[in-house]
Amino acid sequence: MSANKSTPKSLSLILVLIGALWTLYSVQFLNQGFFWDLGIYEKAVGVFNAGGNPYELNGYLSFVYHPLVLRFMALFGNYLGIALMGGYLVSLIFFISSLGSNRSWWTYSFLAFAYCGIGTISIGSGNVTVFFHLVLLGLLLRNIRDEESFGINSSKLTGIFILTVVIFSLVKPYMLAYLLIPLVSTWNTARQKSIWFFTLMAAGLLALTLLLSSLYFGAEFQSFLSAVQGQTIGKRDMGYGLVMYFYEYYLSAGSLIYRAFVLHFAILSALILMILYLGKRSGLLNTPRFALLLYFLLTILNPRLKVYDLFPAMVALFIFASPLKQMLASKWLFVIAYALSLSQLVGTPLFANTGILSDPLNVYYLTMGLVLVTLVPSLIKKPEYSPKN
């Protein structure tokens, strides 16, 4: 075997070893228990069914879901936990089955899961968001598999994706951004008219539902907004969005805090537009695989990027990058990007307690930035994909 052929396997081995190390290390993140967010849902439903206000819970974590979602959860009563765990299991099985026999997808999903322990924390939290993401990613992966295996670009799967996004957006409104995926993927194609009409109708119906229900619930909706503001702004539970690089600076300026969000959306919108332009030039724009890159970009567009959003975003980014026939330098850059996570191994000789790598926010964006850099050659020209990937 030549050195050229053995090098990619060696790099893959390095990545898997780092991932295995993180998987073992991340078990300690569950020392305080499992499904802590699920406990908040159950507590809120208990308070609501007893006639109290679930938006005024004591503790660091608040219940921050629309009154419509609260009433749906309340239907399950004391069986809410069982119902949600059943749904979580179904979503995991659906995502895993979507990986099929593709070893590359399995490997890079594992790497995303293991990275800094974000997969362990996400699944362990019991937050519904990560399981929503896994369902949506599963649909995108099935669409890729159908197109690349059978040459079928399924309108049925696209329709299911649109409806699923709309339903999930009732719980997590920022997921509405994922409706841009079918709009972009069908741009200048024979399916554009029908898919765009269906997408815009679905988005309009969702907006009308949220608007009318918000007016109907009145004071309760105001309590919901207060809970959201208290959890995010009041308790500074903002997660790892790009906005955090500007948030503290503008927070001291009081009314100018909006500028942090303006910068966040301006920078990421410019990045998305640039990648859309490159995708169009390279011929990638209308391919099912490009939807994964767009999914990643739309996920990090959320200013309140929590770890259960970051993990699925990494899955989408890594799987998109995995089959590209890249130069050896790009493959090494991916390894370096992933290895940066080792700086977060607290209590080990690798831990960076000072400097730029001491902040996980910096590590996350350095990793994502470097992986995006490895994609530049493929976005400039039409990429070639490795076989059976």
Protein backbone atom coordinates (compact mmCIF):
# COMPACT_ATOMS: atom_id res chain seq x y z
CA MET A 1 0.00 0.00 0.00
CA SER A 2 1.40 3.39 -0.97
CA ALA A 3 1.91 6.24 1.46
CA ASN A 4 -0.70 8.30 -0.40
CA LYS A 5 -3.35 5.64 0.18
CA SER A 6 -2.45 5.02 3.81
CA THR A 7 -2.44 8.69 4.83
CA PRO A 8 -6.25 9.23 4.60
CA LYS A 9 -6.81 6.10 6.70
CA SER A 10 -4.32 7.36 9.28
CA LEU A 11 -6.12 10.70 9.43
CA SER A 12 -9.46 8.95 9.87
CA LEU A 13 -7.96 6.88 12.69
CA ILE A 14 -6.75 10.04 14.45
CA LEU A 15 -10.25 11.55 14.22
CA VAL A 16 -11.94 8.42 15.56
CA LEU A 17 -9.46 8.18 18.45
CA ILE A 18 -10.16 11.80 19.43
CA GLY A 19 -13.88 11.08 19.17
CA ALA A 20 -13.56 7.98 21.34
CA LEU A 21 -11.62 9.97 23.94
CA TRP A 22 -14.36 12.61 24.02
CA THR A 23 -17.10 9.97 24.28
CA LEU A 24 -15.47 8.44 27.36
CA TYR A 25 -14.76 11.85 28.88
CA SER A 26 -18.30 13.18 28.29
CA VAL A 27 -19.94 10.49 30.43
CA GLN A 28 -19.18 12.65 33.46
CA PHE A 29 -21.51 15.34 32.09
CA LEU A 30 -24.40 13.07 33.06
CA ASN A 31 -23.36 12.78 36.71
CA GLN A 32 -26.21 15.09 37.71
CA GLY A 33 -28.78 12.93 35.97
CA PHE A 34 -30.56 12.61 32.65
CA PHE A 35 -33.27 14.59 30.85
CA TRP A 36 -33.18 17.69 33.05
CA ASP A 37 -35.14 19.69 30.48
CA LEU A 38 -37.80 16.97 30.42
CA GLY A 39 -38.22 17.59 34.15
CA ILE A 40 -39.02 21.24 33.39
CA TYR A 41 -41.74 20.20 30.93
CA GLU A 42 -43.30 17.85 33.50
CA LYS A 43 -43.14 20.47 36.24
CA ALA A 44 -44.73 23.11 34.01
CA VAL A 45 -47.58 20.79 33.00
CA GLY A 46 -48.14 19.87 36.66
CA VAL A 47 -48.38 23.54 37.64
CA PHE A 48 -50.67 24.33 34.70
CA ASN A 49 -53.04 21.42 35.39
CA ALA A 50 -53.20 22.53 39.03
CA GLY A 51 -54.32 26.01 37.94
CA GLY A 52 -50.98 27.79 38.39
CA ASN A 53 -48.77 29.81 36.08
CA PRO A 54 -46.11 27.54 34.50
CA TYR A 55 -44.20 30.58 33.22
CA GLU A 56 -43.25 31.55 36.79
CA LEU A 57 -41.28 28.48 37.83
CA ASN A 58 -38.54 28.87 40.39
CA GLY A 59 -35.00 27.92 39.42
CA TYR A 60 -32.52 28.71 36.67
CA LEU A 61 -34.44 26.98 33.88
CA SER A 62 -37.82 28.39 32.87
CA PHE A 63 -40.61 26.98 30.73
CA VAL A 64 -40.34 28.98 27.49
CA TYR A 65 -42.86 27.43 25.11
CA HIS A 66 -45.92 28.96 23.45
CA PRO A 67 -49.30 28.50 25.24
CA LEU A 68 -50.40 26.26 22.35
CA VAL A 69 -47.49 23.91 23.05
CA LEU A 70 -48.23 24.02 26.76
CA ARG A 71 -51.81 22.89 26.18
CA PHE A 72 -50.70 20.09 23.89
CA MET A 73 -48.24 18.85 26.52
CA ALA A 74 -50.92 19.15 29.20
CA LEU A 75 -53.07 16.63 27.32
CA PHE A 76 -50.66 13.88 28.42
CA GLY A 77 -50.85 14.83 32.10
CA ASN A 78 -48.72 12.57 34.26
CA TYR A 79 -47.78 10.54 31.20
CA LEU A 80 -45.96 13.41 29.48
CA GLY A 81 -42.52 12.04 30.32
CA ILE A 82 -43.31 8.61 28.89
CA ALA A 83 -44.84 10.14 25.74
CA LEU A 84 -41.84 12.37 25.12
CA MET A 85 -39.30 9.62 25.75
CA GLY A 86 -41.19 7.45 23.30
CA GLY A 87 -40.99 10.26 20.74
CA TYR A 88 -37.28 10.71 21.45
CA LEU A 89 -36.64 7.01 20.85
CA VAL A 90 -38.56 7.08 17.56
CA SER A 91 -36.59 10.12 16.34
CA LEU A 92 -33.27 8.45 17.21
CA ILE A 93 -34.24 5.27 15.40
CA PHE A 94 -35.40 7.29 12.40
CA PHE A 95 -32.12 9.21 12.19
CA ILE A 96 -29.95 6.12 12.67
CA SER A 97 -31.90 4.24 10.02
CA SER A 98 -31.41 7.21 7.68
CA LEU A 99 -27.64 6.65 7.87
CA GLY A 100 -28.20 3.27 6.25
CA SER A 101 -25.02 1.36 5.42
CA ASN A 102 -23.03 4.49 4.58
CA ARG A 103 -19.87 4.14 6.68
CA SER A 104 -18.83 7.71 6.02
CA TRP A 105 -22.12 9.07 7.39
CA TRP A 106 -21.82 6.86 10.47
CA THR A 107 -18.24 7.99 11.10
CA TYR A 108 -18.89 11.71 10.74
CA SER A 109 -22.11 11.55 12.75
CA PHE A 110 -20.09 9.92 15.52
CA LEU A 111 -17.43 12.63 15.27
CA ALA A 112 -20.08 15.34 15.55
CA PHE A 113 -21.67 13.55 18.52
CA ALA A 114 -18.34 13.17 20.30
CA TYR A 115 -17.01 16.69 19.60
CA CYS A 116 -16.54 18.40 22.99
CA GLY A 117 -19.22 16.09 24.38
CA ILE A 118 -21.98 18.12 22.72
CA GLY A 119 -23.86 15.02 21.58
CA THR A 120 -23.89 13.54 25.07
CA ILE A 121 -25.12 16.80 26.58
CA SER A 122 -27.74 17.30 23.87
CA ILE A 123 -29.29 13.84 24.12
CA GLY A 124 -28.83 13.75 27.90
CA SER A 125 -30.66 17.05 28.38
CA GLY A 126 -33.91 15.59 27.09
CA ASN A 127 -34.65 18.84 25.26
CA VAL A 128 -37.09 18.31 22.38
CA THR A 129 -35.01 20.49 20.05
CA VAL A 130 -32.23 18.00 19.35
CA PHE A 131 -34.74 15.29 18.47
CA PHE A 132 -36.52 17.68 16.09
CA HIS A 133 -33.17 18.31 14.41
CA LEU A 134 -32.46 14.60 14.06
CA VAL A 135 -35.80 14.02 12.32
CA LEU A 136 -35.16 16.86 9.87
CA LEU A 137 -31.62 15.67 9.17
CA GLY A 138 -32.93 12.14 8.68
CA LEU A 139 -35.31 13.40 5.99
CA LEU A 140 -32.49 15.26 4.23
CA LEU A 141 -30.24 12.19 4.33
CA ARG A 142 -32.98 9.99 2.88
CA ASN A 143 -33.43 12.50 0.08
CA ILE A 144 -29.69 12.35 -0.68
CA ARG A 145 -29.75 8.56 -0.64
CA ASP A 146 -32.73 8.39 -3.02
CA GLU A 147 -31.18 10.86 -5.45
CA GLU A 148 -27.71 9.30 -5.49
CA SER A 149 -28.83 5.65 -5.45
CA PHE A 150 -31.88 5.77 -7.68
CA GLY A 151 -31.66 9.15 -9.43
CA ILE A 152 -34.94 10.16 -7.74
CA ASN A 153 -35.38 13.67 -6.36
CA SER A 154 -38.48 12.95 -4.29
CA SER A 155 -41.17 15.64 -4.14
CA LYS A 156 -42.87 13.49 -1.51
CA LEU A 157 -39.88 13.71 0.85
CA THR A 158 -39.62 17.44 0.18
CA GLY A 159 -43.29 17.86 1.07
CA ILE A 160 -42.86 15.84 4.26
CA PHE A 161 -39.82 17.97 5.16
CA ILE A 162 -41.85 21.18 4.68
CA LEU A 163 -44.76 19.94 6.81
CA THR A 164 -42.40 18.70 9.51
CA VAL A 165 -40.61 22.05 9.66
CA VAL A 166 -43.95 23.84 10.04
CA ILE A 167 -45.08 21.53 12.86
CA PHE A 168 -41.75 21.82 14.68
CA SER A 169 -41.81 25.61 14.26
CA LEU A 170 -44.91 25.76 16.45
CA VAL A 171 -42.58 24.64 19.25
CA LYS A 172 -39.35 26.27 18.03
CA PRO A 173 -40.27 29.24 15.79
CA TYR A 174 -36.69 29.78 14.59
CA MET A 175 -36.90 26.46 12.75
CA LEU A 176 -39.09 28.23 10.21
CA ALA A 177 -35.80 29.32 8.61
CA TYR A 178 -35.36 25.76 7.32
CA LEU A 179 -38.12 26.41 4.79
CA LEU A 180 -35.41 28.19 2.82
CA ILE A 181 -33.93 24.77 2.05
CA PRO A 182 -36.69 23.58 -0.33
CA LEU A 183 -36.83 27.07 -1.84
CA VAL A 184 -33.10 27.04 -2.63
CA SER A 185 -32.93 23.40 -3.73
CA THR A 186 -35.71 23.88 -6.31
CA TRP A 187 -34.50 27.24 -7.63
CA ASN A 188 -34.71 27.31 -11.45
CA THR A 189 -35.95 23.72 -11.62
CA ALA A 190 -39.15 22.16 -12.93
CA ARG A 191 -40.37 21.74 -9.34
CA GLN A 192 -39.89 25.37 -8.33
CA LYS A 193 -43.46 26.58 -8.85
CA SER A 194 -45.18 23.77 -6.96
CA ILE A 195 -42.67 23.56 -4.10
CA TRP A 196 -42.51 27.32 -3.62
CA PHE A 197 -46.31 27.60 -3.56
CA PHE A 198 -46.61 24.78 -1.02
CA THR A 199 -43.80 26.21 1.13
CA LEU A 200 -45.20 29.74 1.19
CA MET A 201 -48.72 28.46 1.93
CA ALA A 202 -47.41 26.36 4.82
CA ALA A 203 -45.39 29.28 6.22
CA GLY A 204 -48.41 31.59 5.92
CA LEU A 205 -50.64 29.10 7.74
CA LEU A 206 -48.09 28.78 10.55
CA ALA A 207 -47.75 32.57 10.89
CA LEU A 208 -51.54 32.97 11.00
CA THR A 209 -51.86 30.23 13.63
CA LEU A 210 -49.22 31.80 15.86
CA LEU A 211 -50.68 35.28 15.45
CA LEU A 212 -54.30 34.33 16.21
CA SER A 213 -53.36 32.07 19.11
CA SER A 214 -51.17 34.78 20.59
CA LEU A 215 -54.05 37.24 20.47
CA TYR A 216 -56.43 34.64 21.91
CA PHE A 217 -54.26 33.77 24.90
CA GLY A 218 -53.58 37.44 25.70
CA ALA A 219 -52.14 37.73 29.22
CA GLU A 220 -50.83 34.17 29.13
CA PHE A 221 -48.92 34.95 25.94
CA GLN A 222 -47.40 37.98 27.66
CA SER A 223 -46.26 35.73 30.50
CA PHE A 224 -44.67 33.46 27.91
CA LEU A 225 -42.77 36.41 26.37
CA SER A 226 -41.64 37.53 29.82
CA ALA A 227 -40.36 34.04 30.55
CA VAL A 228 -38.42 33.99 27.27
CA GLN A 229 -36.90 37.39 27.97
CA GLY A 230 -36.05 36.43 31.54
CA GLN A 231 -34.37 33.18 30.48
CA THR A 232 -32.36 34.70 27.63
CA ILE A 233 -31.62 38.32 28.53
CA GLY A 234 -32.20 38.20 32.29
CA LYS A 235 -30.29 34.99 32.99
CA ARG A 236 -27.95 35.46 30.00
CA ASP A 237 -28.79 32.00 28.75
CA MET A 238 -27.81 32.84 25.19
CA GLY A 239 -25.77 29.80 24.27
CA TYR A 240 -23.03 29.95 21.63
CA GLY A 241 -24.38 32.19 18.90
CA LEU A 242 -22.02 34.52 17.07
CA VAL A 243 -23.89 37.33 18.82
CA MET A 244 -22.01 36.48 22.02
CA TYR A 245 -18.84 38.05 20.60
CA PHE A 246 -20.63 41.43 20.73
CA TYR A 247 -23.23 40.85 23.43
CA GLU A 248 -21.26 41.76 26.54
CA TYR A 249 -19.86 44.91 24.92
CA TYR A 250 -23.24 46.27 23.87
CA LEU A 251 -24.99 45.05 27.03
CA SER A 252 -23.17 47.74 28.98
CA ALA A 253 -24.56 50.29 26.54
CA GLY A 254 -28.13 49.49 27.54
CA SER A 255 -30.46 50.40 24.69
CA LEU A 256 -27.74 49.67 22.10
CA ILE A 257 -27.88 45.92 22.76
CA TYR A 258 -29.77 45.49 19.47
CA ARG A 259 -26.51 46.26 17.63
CA ALA A 260 -25.06 42.95 18.79
CA PHE A 261 -27.88 41.16 17.02
CA VAL A 262 -27.56 43.36 13.94
CA LEU A 263 -23.89 42.39 13.65
CA HIS A 264 -24.74 38.73 14.20
CA PHE A 265 -27.29 38.63 11.39
CA ALA A 266 -25.24 40.86 9.08
CA ILE A 267 -22.12 38.68 9.26
CA LEU A 268 -23.91 35.35 8.92
CA SER A 269 -26.27 36.60 6.21
CA ALA A 270 -23.25 37.75 4.20
CA LEU A 271 -21.66 34.31 4.68
CA ILE A 272 -24.84 32.53 3.58
CA LEU A 273 -25.19 34.74 0.48
CA MET A 274 -21.56 34.14 -0.45
CA ILE A 275 -21.93 30.36 -0.13
CA LEU A 276 -25.19 30.42 -2.11
CA TYR A 277 -23.38 32.31 -4.86
CA LEU A 278 -20.50 29.83 -4.87
CA GLY A 279 -22.95 26.94 -4.78
CA LYS A 280 -24.71 28.30 -7.85
CA ARG A 281 -21.42 28.76 -9.73
CA SER A 282 -20.20 25.27 -8.86
CA GLY A 283 -23.49 23.57 -9.72
CA LEU A 284 -23.98 22.38 -6.14
CA LEU A 285 -26.95 24.60 -5.34
CA ASN A 286 -29.70 22.23 -6.52
CA THR A 287 -28.10 19.04 -5.22
CA PRO A 288 -29.60 17.28 -2.18
CA ARG A 289 -26.18 17.35 -0.49
CA PHE A 290 -26.04 21.15 -0.56
CA ALA A 291 -29.12 21.14 1.68
CA LEU A 292 -26.88 19.85 4.50
CA LEU A 293 -24.53 22.83 4.21
CA LEU A 294 -27.50 25.18 4.10
CA TYR A 295 -28.97 23.43 7.16
CA PHE A 296 -25.74 24.09 9.05
CA LEU A 297 -25.69 27.76 8.05
CA LEU A 298 -29.34 28.33 8.96
CA THR A 299 -28.80 26.65 12.32
CA ILE A 300 -25.92 28.90 13.36
CA LEU A 301 -27.99 31.88 12.16
CA ASN A 302 -30.01 31.38 15.34
CA PRO A 303 -28.57 33.92 17.85
CA ARG A 304 -29.48 31.65 20.76
CA LEU A 305 -27.45 28.71 19.52
CA LYS A 306 -27.66 26.13 22.28
CA VAL A 307 -25.59 22.97 22.45
CA TYR A 308 -28.59 20.92 21.25
CA ASP A 309 -28.57 23.06 18.08
CA LEU A 310 -24.79 22.99 17.69
CA PHE A 311 -24.60 19.20 17.70
CA PRO A 312 -27.00 18.72 14.74
CA ALA A 313 -25.31 21.63 12.94
CA MET A 314 -22.00 19.79 13.23
CA VAL A 315 -23.61 16.59 11.94
CA ALA A 316 -24.83 18.44 8.84
CA LEU A 317 -21.48 20.17 8.24
CA PHE A 318 -19.34 17.07 8.76
CA ILE A 319 -21.48 14.81 6.59
CA PHE A 320 -21.54 17.41 3.82
CA ALA A 321 -17.75 17.59 3.88
CA SER A 322 -17.15 13.85 4.28
CA PRO A 323 -17.47 12.56 0.68
CA LEU A 324 -15.70 15.40 -1.09
CA LYS A 325 -12.50 14.46 -2.87
CA GLN A 326 -10.29 16.99 -1.15
CA MET A 327 -6.61 17.75 -1.31
CA LEU A 328 -4.43 16.21 1.39
CA ALA A 329 -3.88 19.67 2.90
CA SER A 330 -7.66 20.09 3.30
CA LYS A 331 -7.92 16.71 5.02
CA TRP A 332 -5.16 17.67 7.45
CA LEU A 333 -6.92 20.97 8.09
CA PHE A 334 -10.09 19.07 9.01
CA VAL A 335 -8.09 16.98 11.49
CA ILE A 336 -6.58 20.12 13.03
CA ALA A 337 -10.02 21.72 13.24
CA TYR A 338 -11.39 18.70 15.06
CA ALA A 339 -8.34 18.31 17.29
CA LEU A 340 -8.87 21.84 18.64
CA SER A 341 -11.62 20.30 20.77
CA LEU A 342 -8.92 18.68 22.92
CA SER A 343 -8.25 22.09 24.46
CA GLN A 344 -11.55 21.67 26.35
CA LEU A 345 -10.56 18.46 28.13
CA VAL A 346 -10.66 20.02 31.60
CA GLY A 347 -8.33 18.44 34.10
CA THR A 348 -6.01 16.90 31.52
CA PRO A 349 -2.57 18.07 30.29
CA LEU A 350 -4.27 19.12 27.02
CA PHE A 351 -6.56 21.62 28.74
CA ALA A 352 -6.02 25.26 27.69
CA ASN A 353 -6.82 27.35 30.77
CA THR A 354 -5.56 30.60 29.25
CA GLY A 355 -5.51 32.12 25.80
CA ILE A 356 -7.91 32.00 22.88
CA LEU A 357 -8.57 28.25 23.19
CA SER A 358 -9.67 28.52 26.83
CA ASP A 359 -13.09 29.78 25.72
CA PRO A 360 -15.30 27.05 24.17
CA LEU A 361 -17.00 29.69 22.03
CA ASN A 362 -13.68 30.39 20.28
CA VAL A 363 -12.98 26.68 19.83
CA TYR A 364 -16.40 26.02 18.29
CA TYR A 365 -16.08 28.83 15.75
CA LEU A 366 -12.47 28.03 14.92
CA THR A 367 -13.48 24.44 14.19
CA MET A 368 -16.47 25.44 12.07
CA GLY A 369 -14.45 28.12 10.30
CA LEU A 370 -11.58 25.79 9.43
CA VAL A 371 -13.97 23.10 8.15
CA LEU A 372 -15.65 25.71 5.95
CA VAL A 373 -12.21 26.69 4.63
CA THR A 374 -11.62 23.07 3.57
CA LEU A 375 -14.79 23.32 1.47
CA VAL A 376 -13.72 26.40 -0.49
CA PRO A 377 -12.00 24.48 -3.36
CA SER A 378 -15.11 22.34 -3.79
CA LEU A 379 -17.40 25.38 -3.80
CA ILE A 380 -15.28 27.18 -6.39
CA LYS A 381 -15.54 24.34 -8.88
CA LYS A 382 -18.00 21.47 -9.26
CA PRO A 383 -16.85 18.87 -6.70
CA GLU A 384 -16.18 15.20 -7.17
CA TYR A 385 -17.51 12.77 -4.62
CA SER A 386 -15.77 9.70 -3.34
CA PRO A 387 -17.52 6.47 -4.33
CA LYS A 388 -19.91 4.78 -1.86
CA ASN A 389 -19.94 7.84 0.37
